[in-house]
Amino acid sequence: MLPIVLHRNDSNPSMYFRLWDQDNEVYVDITASTHIVIAKFREKGEDTILAAIYCDKVSPAFGLVRMDWPADTLHDVDAGRYEIEVQLVQSSTSGTITAATAADPCSIT
């Protein structure tokens, strides 16, 4: 994976993620209204989430989502290495099931 370079106080561009099922070699279908995709932004190797950002479904049948940076997300972060964990959550009346997660590295300059 290549690092994603971001700049302090950056709010653009939007980031796009495509959810892929490696076992079955198909895109993950997230068309159901119970499927929620969350991007979790944190320092690389750390557990503390700096921001949890809900993603918009762009092409749900093909697992494509867009994450728009909230205006203040990158305001107070130090330069360094960070990662974004993309989590697919399936909500239901009986609770929440995490279906998949994946992390991509990024750097703040």
C-alpha atoms as a PDB file:
ATOM      1  CA  MET A   1       0.000   0.000   0.000  1.00  0.00           C
ATOM      2  CA  LEU A   2       1.168   3.506  -0.734  1.00  0.00           C
ATOM      3  CA  PRO A   3       0.892   6.152   1.984  1.00  0.00           C
ATOM      4  CA  ILE A   4      -1.711   8.889   1.699  1.00  0.00           C
ATOM      5  CA  VAL A   5      -0.182  12.327   2.300  1.00  0.00           C
ATOM      6  CA  LEU A   6      -2.384  14.865   4.081  1.00  0.00           C
ATOM      7  CA  HIS A   7      -1.657  18.396   5.262  1.00  0.00           C
ATOM      8  CA  ARG A   8      -2.530  19.933   8.611  1.00  0.00           C
ATOM      9  CA  ASN A   9      -5.808  21.896   8.370  1.00  0.00           C
ATOM     10  CA  ASP A  10      -6.621  20.016   5.167  1.00  0.00           C
ATOM     11  CA  SER A  11     -10.276  19.307   4.464  1.00  0.00           C
ATOM     12  CA  ASN A  12      -9.954  18.115   0.882  1.00  0.00           C
ATOM     13  CA  PRO A  13      -9.984  16.023  -1.107  1.00  0.00           C
ATOM     14  CA  SER A  14     -12.605  13.477  -0.312  1.00  0.00           C
ATOM     15  CA  MET A  15     -11.233   9.962  -0.039  1.00  0.00           C
ATOM     16  CA  TYR A  16     -12.803   7.018  -1.810  1.00  0.00           C
ATOM     17  CA  PHE A  17     -12.661   3.434  -0.595  1.00  0.00           C
ATOM     18  CA  ARG A  18     -13.858   0.285  -2.308  1.00  0.00           C
ATOM     19  CA  LEU A  19     -14.740  -2.694  -0.118  1.00  0.00           C
ATOM     20  CA  TRP A  20     -13.448  -5.956  -1.532  1.00  0.00           C
ATOM     21  CA  ASP A  21     -14.092  -9.527  -0.386  1.00  0.00           C
ATOM     22  CA  GLN A  22     -10.717 -11.241  -0.843  1.00  0.00           C
ATOM     23  CA  ASP A  23     -12.083 -14.708  -0.144  1.00  0.00           C
ATOM     24  CA  ASN A  24     -14.709 -14.585  -2.896  1.00  0.00           C
ATOM     25  CA  GLU A  25     -12.940 -12.001  -5.098  1.00  0.00           C
ATOM     26  CA  VAL A  26     -15.970  -9.732  -5.416  1.00  0.00           C
ATOM     27  CA  TYR A  27     -16.903  -6.224  -4.324  1.00  0.00           C
ATOM     28  CA  VAL A  28     -18.852  -6.105  -1.065  1.00  0.00           C
ATOM     29  CA  ASP A  29     -22.488  -5.204  -1.723  1.00  0.00           C
ATOM     30  CA  ILE A  30     -23.490  -2.543   0.816  1.00  0.00           C
ATOM     31  CA  THR A  31     -26.860  -1.600  -0.667  1.00  0.00           C
ATOM     32  CA  ALA A  32     -28.829  -2.641   2.436  1.00  0.00           C
ATOM     33  CA  SER A  33     -29.859   0.296   4.600  1.00  0.00           C
ATOM     34  CA  THR A  34     -28.458  -1.598   7.596  1.00  0.00           C
ATOM     35  CA  HIS A  35     -24.910  -1.422   6.161  1.00  0.00           C
ATOM     36  CA  ILE A  36     -22.930   1.488   7.575  1.00  0.00           C
ATOM     37  CA  VAL A  37     -19.341   2.284   6.639  1.00  0.00           C
ATOM     38  CA  ILE A  38     -17.158   4.169   9.121  1.00  0.00           C
ATOM     39  CA  ALA A  39     -13.608   5.434   8.563  1.00  0.00           C
ATOM     40  CA  LYS A  40     -11.594   5.505  11.792  1.00  0.00           C
ATOM     41  CA  PHE A  41      -8.612   7.860  11.756  1.00  0.00           C
ATOM     42  CA  ARG A  42      -5.785   7.282  14.275  1.00  0.00           C
ATOM     43  CA  GLU A  43      -2.031   7.418  14.755  1.00  0.00           C
ATOM     44  CA  LYS A  44      -0.308   4.440  13.160  1.00  0.00           C
ATOM     45  CA  GLY A  45      -0.100   1.533  15.588  1.00  0.00           C
ATOM     46  CA  GLU A  46      -2.271   3.241  18.228  1.00  0.00           C
ATOM     47  CA  ASP A  47      -5.705   2.233  19.476  1.00  0.00           C
ATOM     48  CA  THR A  48      -7.075   5.723  20.201  1.00  0.00           C
ATOM     49  CA  ILE A  49      -9.463   6.885  17.461  1.00  0.00           C
ATOM     50  CA  LEU A  50      -8.930  10.568  16.615  1.00  0.00           C
ATOM     51  CA  ALA A  51     -12.010  10.713  14.384  1.00  0.00           C
ATOM     52  CA  ALA A  52     -14.759   8.313  13.348  1.00  0.00           C
ATOM     53  CA  ILE A  53     -16.202   9.536  10.058  1.00  0.00           C
ATOM     54  CA  TYR A  54     -19.324   8.091   8.444  1.00  0.00           C
ATOM     55  CA  CYS A  55     -18.854   7.412   4.741  1.00  0.00           C
ATOM     56  CA  ASP A  56     -21.398   8.090   2.017  1.00  0.00           C
ATOM     57  CA  LYS A  57     -22.336   5.241  -0.303  1.00  0.00           C
ATOM     58  CA  VAL A  58     -21.373   6.185  -3.864  1.00  0.00           C
ATOM     59  CA  SER A  59     -21.861   2.911  -5.723  1.00  0.00           C
ATOM     60  CA  PRO A  60     -23.106   0.527  -3.034  1.00  0.00           C
ATOM     61  CA  ALA A  61     -23.518  -2.536  -5.253  1.00  0.00           C
ATOM     62  CA  PHE A  62     -19.792  -2.282  -5.992  1.00  0.00           C
ATOM     63  CA  GLY A  63     -18.658  -1.395  -2.454  1.00  0.00           C
ATOM     64  CA  LEU A  64     -17.638   2.189  -3.270  1.00  0.00           C
ATOM     65  CA  VAL A  65     -17.863   4.795  -0.504  1.00  0.00           C
ATOM     66  CA  ARG A  66     -16.663   8.390  -0.055  1.00  0.00           C
ATOM     67  CA  MET A  67     -15.257   9.908   3.107  1.00  0.00           C
ATOM     68  CA  ASP A  68     -15.431  13.695   3.433  1.00  0.00           C
ATOM     69  CA  TRP A  69     -13.096  15.208   6.035  1.00  0.00           C
ATOM     70  CA  PRO A  70     -14.960  17.230   8.676  1.00  0.00           C
ATOM     71  CA  ALA A  71     -13.541  20.763   8.818  1.00  0.00           C
ATOM     72  CA  ASP A  72     -11.678  20.381  12.122  1.00  0.00           C
ATOM     73  CA  THR A  73     -10.398  16.778  11.837  1.00  0.00           C
ATOM     74  CA  LEU A  74      -6.848  17.640  10.776  1.00  0.00           C
ATOM     75  CA  HIS A  75      -6.650  20.931  12.699  1.00  0.00           C
ATOM     76  CA  ASP A  76      -4.673  19.807  15.772  1.00  0.00           C
ATOM     77  CA  VAL A  77      -2.784  16.730  14.558  1.00  0.00           C
ATOM     78  CA  ASP A  78       0.997  16.600  14.624  1.00  0.00           C
ATOM     79  CA  ALA A  79       3.081  15.656  11.624  1.00  0.00           C
ATOM     80  CA  GLY A  80       3.558  11.893  11.525  1.00  0.00           C
ATOM     81  CA  ARG A  81       2.170   8.584  10.329  1.00  0.00           C
ATOM     82  CA  TYR A  82      -1.508   7.828  10.671  1.00  0.00           C
ATOM     83  CA  GLU A  83      -3.890   5.171   9.424  1.00  0.00           C
ATOM     84  CA  ILE A  84      -7.500   4.969   8.370  1.00  0.00           C
ATOM     85  CA  GLU A  85      -9.417   1.849   9.296  1.00  0.00           C
ATOM     86  CA  VAL A  86     -12.485   1.327   7.144  1.00  0.00           C
ATOM     87  CA  GLN A  87     -15.126  -0.609   9.013  1.00  0.00           C
ATOM     88  CA  LEU A  88     -18.311  -2.111   7.605  1.00  0.00           C
ATOM     89  CA  VAL A  89     -20.983  -2.380  10.278  1.00  0.00           C
ATOM     90  CA  GLN A  90     -24.276  -4.184   9.846  1.00  0.00           C
ATOM     91  CA  SER A  91     -26.890  -2.796  12.200  1.00  0.00           C
ATOM     92  CA  SER A  92     -29.980  -4.724  13.180  1.00  0.00           C
ATOM     93  CA  THR A  93     -32.544  -4.801  15.932  1.00  0.00           C
ATOM     94  CA  SER A  94     -30.459  -7.420  17.727  1.00  0.00           C
ATOM     95  CA  GLY A  95     -27.238  -5.373  17.790  1.00  0.00           C
ATOM     96  CA  THR A  96     -24.280  -4.404  15.670  1.00  0.00           C
ATOM     97  CA  ILE A  97     -22.027  -6.816  13.804  1.00  0.00           C
ATOM     98  CA  THR A  98     -18.681  -5.717  12.418  1.00  0.00           C
ATOM     99  CA  ALA A  99     -18.432  -7.418   9.062  1.00  0.00           C
ATOM    100  CA  ALA A 100     -14.969  -6.297   7.978  1.00  0.00           C
ATOM    101  CA  THR A 101     -12.146  -3.887   8.685  1.00  0.00           C
ATOM    102  CA  ALA A 102      -9.076  -2.812   6.773  1.00  0.00           C
ATOM    103  CA  ALA A 103      -6.461  -0.139   7.387  1.00  0.00           C
ATOM    104  CA  ASP A 104      -4.568   2.142   5.003  1.00  0.00           C
ATOM    105  CA  PRO A 105      -1.503   4.166   6.052  1.00  0.00           C
ATOM    106  CA  CYS A 106      -1.338   7.927   5.690  1.00  0.00           C
ATOM    107  CA  SER A 107       1.123  10.688   6.634  1.00  0.00           C
ATOM    108  CA  ILE A 108       0.447  14.200   7.945  1.00  0.00           C
ATOM    109  CA  THR A 109       2.862  16.933   6.877  1.00  0.00           C
END
